[in-house]
Structures are given as structure tokens and as C-alpha cells.
Amino acid sequence: MVLLIIFLGLIADRVTKLWALKALKDGSDVVIIKNIFSFSYLENRGAAFGILQNKVVFLAILTIAMTIAMIFYIYKFKPQSRLLKASLALIIAGAIGNLYDRIFYKYVVDFILLHYKDVYYFPTFNVADMLVVFGTIILALCIIKEDYNGK
């Protein structure tokens, strides 16, 4: 199950980023919902919310270390919770997806843009970012549930 989630996550991330590179890199935006949701190409040379700009090597090393740690945890401790394993697999898939970009492009391809008119713009993101966020939310819920159940 873990390998399947990682594989499917990586495929979804790669396919959407390749589409963004082909369809959006020239400056063309695709408006899905006017003033709310569009696809707009961005080269992110930092981490989430634009922090750590131009620290590509540091971010790559950190990603590799955290990914190895999660894989080690899954295979060493063999958690019984399928939800816990799925959450870690989602995080790993997202981390590897963005790591690929950092290694081969020296930046991360972002293209999903949520905003409210010109009043508020959420930082542009990609499928790998969504995998990490959803995986982290599920992981947090697993931890809360475990604490609540007294385990």
C-alpha cells in the first residue's frame, strides 16, 4: 500500500508539473474560476511560502534526510495503522516530487493559484505540496487519536 501511494502521488505530481511546464511557462494563465482559482506558472526557489530562497542544496539535503527517516520508521517499526502508513506515504511522495524538481531544475514548479480578486493571494503551490499537507493533516489526526486513546 505504501509503495502504491508513493508511486501514484509521484505520477500525479510529475504529470501535472510537465503540463504546467508545457502549457503555462510562456506566461499563459488558465483561469478556472475568475478571481478565485487559476493555473499560473511560478518557479519557487525556496520552501513553503517562499522562505529559504535559493537554499536549494540545504532543502534537498533536508528532504532526503526526512524521507529516509520516514521510510526507516515504516520498515523498522511496522506501524499497524494503515492510516498512519498512508499519511507517511503521502508526505514521502510529495517530498520526493519537489526534490525531483530541486535536483533537475534548481527550483520547484508551482502552478496552482488561489486568490480573491486582487485582495488576497494564497502562495502558489503544486500537487506535491498538497500531498505533503494532506499527509501531515492525517498524521496529526493519527497522533491525536493515539493520544486520546491512551496508547
C-alpha atoms as a PDB file:
ATOM      1  CA  MET A   1       0.000   0.000   0.000  1.00  0.00           C
ATOM      2  CA  VAL A   2       2.781   2.452   0.915  1.00  0.00           C
ATOM      3  CA  LEU A   3       4.638   1.956  -2.359  1.00  0.00           C
ATOM      4  CA  LEU A   4       1.423   2.286  -4.374  1.00  0.00           C
ATOM      5  CA  ILE A   5       0.525   5.596  -2.715  1.00  0.00           C
ATOM      6  CA  ILE A   6       4.038   6.927  -3.268  1.00  0.00           C
ATOM      7  CA  PHE A   7       4.022   5.787  -6.905  1.00  0.00           C
ATOM      8  CA  LEU A   8       0.584   7.268  -7.675  1.00  0.00           C
ATOM      9  CA  GLY A   9       1.445  10.502  -5.877  1.00  0.00           C
ATOM     10  CA  LEU A  10       4.668  10.865  -7.835  1.00  0.00           C
ATOM     11  CA  ILE A  11       2.887  10.188 -11.132  1.00  0.00           C
ATOM     12  CA  ALA A  12       0.178  12.772 -10.368  1.00  0.00           C
ATOM     13  CA  ASP A  13       2.789  15.353  -9.388  1.00  0.00           C
ATOM     14  CA  ARG A  14       5.058  14.711 -12.386  1.00  0.00           C
ATOM     15  CA  VAL A  15       2.233  14.714 -14.949  1.00  0.00           C
ATOM     16  CA  THR A  16       0.751  17.973 -13.650  1.00  0.00           C
ATOM     17  CA  LYS A  17       4.150  19.694 -13.471  1.00  0.00           C
ATOM     18  CA  LEU A  18       5.018  18.581 -17.009  1.00  0.00           C
ATOM     19  CA  TRP A  19       1.684  20.014 -18.143  1.00  0.00           C
ATOM     20  CA  ALA A  20       2.441  23.289 -16.321  1.00  0.00           C
ATOM     21  CA  LEU A  21       5.886  23.489 -17.918  1.00  0.00           C
ATOM     22  CA  LYS A  22       4.385  22.970 -21.373  1.00  0.00           C
ATOM     23  CA  ALA A  23       1.172  24.990 -21.079  1.00  0.00           C
ATOM     24  CA  LEU A  24       1.991  27.770 -18.631  1.00  0.00           C
ATOM     25  CA  LYS A  25       5.718  28.534 -18.717  1.00  0.00           C
ATOM     26  CA  ASP A  26       5.315  31.020 -21.558  1.00  0.00           C
ATOM     27  CA  GLY A  27       3.209  33.232 -19.255  1.00  0.00           C
ATOM     28  CA  SER A  28      -0.196  31.902 -20.239  1.00  0.00           C
ATOM     29  CA  ASP A  29      -2.563  31.535 -17.315  1.00  0.00           C
ATOM     30  CA  VAL A  30      -5.562  29.219 -17.276  1.00  0.00           C
ATOM     31  CA  VAL A  31      -8.472  30.715 -15.359  1.00  0.00           C
ATOM     32  CA  ILE A  32     -10.714  28.080 -13.784  1.00  0.00           C
ATOM     33  CA  ILE A  33     -12.898  30.360 -11.638  1.00  0.00           C
ATOM     34  CA  LYS A  34     -12.451  34.061 -12.348  1.00  0.00           C
ATOM     35  CA  ASN A  35     -10.916  35.988  -9.416  1.00  0.00           C
ATOM     36  CA  ILE A  36     -10.597  32.798  -7.325  1.00  0.00           C
ATOM     37  CA  PHE A  37      -8.795  29.863  -8.930  1.00  0.00           C
ATOM     38  CA  SER A  38      -6.329  29.633 -11.801  1.00  0.00           C
ATOM     39  CA  PHE A  39      -3.215  27.905 -13.022  1.00  0.00           C
ATOM     40  CA  SER A  40      -0.239  30.231 -13.239  1.00  0.00           C
ATOM     41  CA  TYR A  41       3.400  29.156 -13.643  1.00  0.00           C
ATOM     42  CA  LEU A  42       5.878  30.019 -10.897  1.00  0.00           C
ATOM     43  CA  GLU A  43       9.445  28.896 -10.254  1.00  0.00           C
ATOM     44  CA  ASN A  44       9.807  28.559  -6.484  1.00  0.00           C
ATOM     45  CA  ARG A  45      13.462  28.689  -5.451  1.00  0.00           C
ATOM     46  CA  GLY A  46      12.636  28.374  -1.767  1.00  0.00           C
ATOM     47  CA  ALA A  47      10.412  26.379   0.545  1.00  0.00           C
ATOM     48  CA  ALA A  48       6.801  26.874   1.621  1.00  0.00           C
ATOM     49  CA  PHE A  49       5.571  30.469   1.484  1.00  0.00           C
ATOM     50  CA  GLY A  50       8.815  31.500  -0.211  1.00  0.00           C
ATOM     51  CA  ILE A  51      11.065  31.050   2.820  1.00  0.00           C
ATOM     52  CA  LEU A  52      14.694  29.939   2.447  1.00  0.00           C
ATOM     53  CA  GLN A  53      15.020  31.391  -1.051  1.00  0.00           C
ATOM     54  CA  ASN A  54      17.922  29.975  -3.102  1.00  0.00           C
ATOM     55  CA  LYS A  55      18.799  27.359  -0.455  1.00  0.00           C
ATOM     56  CA  VAL A  56      18.327  24.518  -2.948  1.00  0.00           C
ATOM     57  CA  VAL A  57      21.127  22.290  -1.607  1.00  0.00           C
ATOM     58  CA  PHE A  58      20.036  22.735   2.012  1.00  0.00           C
ATOM     59  CA  LEU A  59      16.393  21.987   1.143  1.00  0.00           C
ATOM     60  CA  ALA A  60      17.399  18.935  -0.909  1.00  0.00           C
ATOM     61  CA  ILE A  61      19.543  17.525   1.915  1.00  0.00           C
ATOM     62  CA  LEU A  62      16.785  18.182   4.464  1.00  0.00           C
ATOM     63  CA  THR A  63      14.222  16.484   2.217  1.00  0.00           C
ATOM     64  CA  ILE A  64      16.435  13.441   1.690  1.00  0.00           C
ATOM     65  CA  ALA A  65      17.096  13.121   5.433  1.00  0.00           C
ATOM     66  CA  MET A  66      13.413  13.406   6.373  1.00  0.00           C
ATOM     67  CA  THR A  67      12.347  10.987   3.636  1.00  0.00           C
ATOM     68  CA  ILE A  68      14.903   8.412   4.776  1.00  0.00           C
ATOM     69  CA  ALA A  69      13.714   8.868   8.367  1.00  0.00           C
ATOM     70  CA  MET A  70      10.075   8.241   7.404  1.00  0.00           C
ATOM     71  CA  ILE A  71      10.945   5.198   5.288  1.00  0.00           C
ATOM     72  CA  PHE A  72      13.108   3.861   8.131  1.00  0.00           C
ATOM     73  CA  TYR A  73      10.224   4.338  10.571  1.00  0.00           C
ATOM     74  CA  ILE A  74       7.759   2.493   8.332  1.00  0.00           C
ATOM     75  CA  TYR A  75      10.016  -0.504   7.763  1.00  0.00           C
ATOM     76  CA  LYS A  76      11.701  -0.684  11.171  1.00  0.00           C
ATOM     77  CA  PHE A  77       8.652  -0.207  13.403  1.00  0.00           C
ATOM     78  CA  LYS A  78       5.993  -1.552  11.040  1.00  0.00           C
ATOM     79  CA  PRO A  79       3.087   0.572  12.340  1.00  0.00           C
ATOM     80  CA  GLN A  80      -0.211  -1.299  12.339  1.00  0.00           C
ATOM     81  CA  SER A  81      -2.309   1.715  11.435  1.00  0.00           C
ATOM     82  CA  ARG A  82      -2.957   1.795   7.703  1.00  0.00           C
ATOM     83  CA  LEU A  83      -3.925   5.432   8.058  1.00  0.00           C
ATOM     84  CA  LEU A  84      -0.566   6.267   9.648  1.00  0.00           C
ATOM     85  CA  LYS A  85       1.288   4.438   6.869  1.00  0.00           C
ATOM     86  CA  ALA A  86      -0.826   6.186   4.228  1.00  0.00           C
ATOM     87  CA  SER A  87      -0.120   9.595   5.768  1.00  0.00           C
ATOM     88  CA  LEU A  88       3.626   8.978   5.715  1.00  0.00           C
ATOM     89  CA  ALA A  89       3.413   7.683   2.139  1.00  0.00           C
ATOM     90  CA  LEU A  90       1.635  10.878   1.049  1.00  0.00           C
ATOM     91  CA  ILE A  91       4.299  13.011   2.717  1.00  0.00           C
ATOM     92  CA  ILE A  92       7.083  10.949   1.144  1.00  0.00           C
ATOM     93  CA  ALA A  93       5.507  11.210  -2.321  1.00  0.00           C
ATOM     94  CA  GLY A  94       5.194  14.980  -2.041  1.00  0.00           C
ATOM     95  CA  ALA A  95       8.706  15.365  -0.686  1.00  0.00           C
ATOM     96  CA  ILE A  96      10.198  13.285  -3.498  1.00  0.00           C
ATOM     97  CA  GLY A  97       8.131  15.163  -6.101  1.00  0.00           C
ATOM     98  CA  ASN A  98       9.541  18.523  -5.029  1.00  0.00           C
ATOM     99  CA  LEU A  99      13.007  17.031  -4.502  1.00  0.00           C
ATOM    100  CA  TYR A 100      12.991  15.911  -8.140  1.00  0.00           C
ATOM    101  CA  ASP A 101      12.381  19.499  -9.219  1.00  0.00           C
ATOM    102  CA  ARG A 102      15.092  20.884  -6.958  1.00  0.00           C
ATOM    103  CA  ILE A 103      17.641  18.409  -8.295  1.00  0.00           C
ATOM    104  CA  PHE A 104      16.800  18.659 -12.013  1.00  0.00           C
ATOM    105  CA  TYR A 105      15.537  22.257 -12.348  1.00  0.00           C
ATOM    106  CA  LYS A 106      17.086  24.008  -9.310  1.00  0.00           C
ATOM    107  CA  TYR A 107      13.577  25.249  -8.437  1.00  0.00           C
ATOM    108  CA  VAL A 108      10.146  23.769  -7.733  1.00  0.00           C
ATOM    109  CA  VAL A 109       7.420  24.109 -10.359  1.00  0.00           C
ATOM    110  CA  ASP A 110       4.348  25.673  -8.735  1.00  0.00           C
ATOM    111  CA  PHE A 111       1.197  26.472 -10.673  1.00  0.00           C
ATOM    112  CA  ILE A 112      -1.983  26.256  -8.580  1.00  0.00           C
ATOM    113  CA  LEU A 113      -3.123  29.731  -7.611  1.00  0.00           C
ATOM    114  CA  LEU A 114      -5.952  30.508  -5.201  1.00  0.00           C
ATOM    115  CA  HIS A 115      -6.857  34.127  -4.624  1.00  0.00           C
ATOM    116  CA  TYR A 116      -9.689  36.537  -4.002  1.00  0.00           C
ATOM    117  CA  LYS A 117      -9.694  39.123  -6.783  1.00  0.00           C
ATOM    118  CA  ASP A 118      -6.574  41.238  -6.236  1.00  0.00           C
ATOM    119  CA  VAL A 119      -7.195  41.421  -2.493  1.00  0.00           C
ATOM    120  CA  TYR A 120      -5.606  38.162  -1.299  1.00  0.00           C
ATOM    121  CA  TYR A 121      -3.288  35.651  -2.938  1.00  0.00           C
ATOM    122  CA  PHE A 122      -2.518  32.320  -1.291  1.00  0.00           C
ATOM    123  CA  PRO A 123       1.052  31.228  -2.130  1.00  0.00           C
ATOM    124  CA  THR A 124       1.177  29.312  -5.414  1.00  0.00           C
ATOM    125  CA  PHE A 125       1.557  25.553  -4.898  1.00  0.00           C
ATOM    126  CA  ASN A 126       1.548  22.179  -6.680  1.00  0.00           C
ATOM    127  CA  VAL A 127       0.305  18.599  -6.292  1.00  0.00           C
ATOM    128  CA  ALA A 128       3.379  17.578  -4.251  1.00  0.00           C
ATOM    129  CA  ASP A 129       2.588  20.352  -1.767  1.00  0.00           C
ATOM    130  CA  MET A 130      -0.987  19.074  -1.479  1.00  0.00           C
ATOM    131  CA  LEU A 131       0.279  15.545  -0.815  1.00  0.00           C
ATOM    132  CA  VAL A 132       2.526  16.817   1.993  1.00  0.00           C
ATOM    133  CA  VAL A 133      -0.251  18.926   3.541  1.00  0.00           C
ATOM    134  CA  PHE A 134      -2.912  16.191   3.377  1.00  0.00           C
ATOM    135  CA  GLY A 135      -0.424  13.622   4.681  1.00  0.00           C
ATOM    136  CA  THR A 136       0.534  15.913   7.549  1.00  0.00           C
ATOM    137  CA  ILE A 137      -3.109  16.543   8.484  1.00  0.00           C
ATOM    138  CA  ILE A 138      -3.801  12.797   8.520  1.00  0.00           C
ATOM    139  CA  LEU A 139      -0.606  12.204  10.527  1.00  0.00           C
ATOM    140  CA  ALA A 140      -1.683  14.810  13.088  1.00  0.00           C
ATOM    141  CA  LEU A 141      -5.093  13.162  13.386  1.00  0.00           C
ATOM    142  CA  CYS A 142      -3.422   9.766  13.911  1.00  0.00           C
ATOM    143  CA  ILE A 143      -1.250  11.224  16.679  1.00  0.00           C
ATOM    144  CA  ILE A 144      -4.229  12.942  18.346  1.00  0.00           C
ATOM    145  CA  LYS A 145      -6.284   9.744  18.133  1.00  0.00           C
ATOM    146  CA  GLU A 146      -3.436   7.726  19.635  1.00  0.00           C
ATOM    147  CA  ASP A 147      -3.004  10.208  22.484  1.00  0.00           C
ATOM    148  CA  TYR A 148      -6.754  10.294  23.068  1.00  0.00           C
ATOM    149  CA  ASN A 149      -6.966   6.512  23.212  1.00  0.00           C
ATOM    150  CA  GLY A 150      -4.108   6.440  25.693  1.00  0.00           C
ATOM    151  CA  LYS A 151      -1.691   4.418  23.586  1.00  0.00           C
END
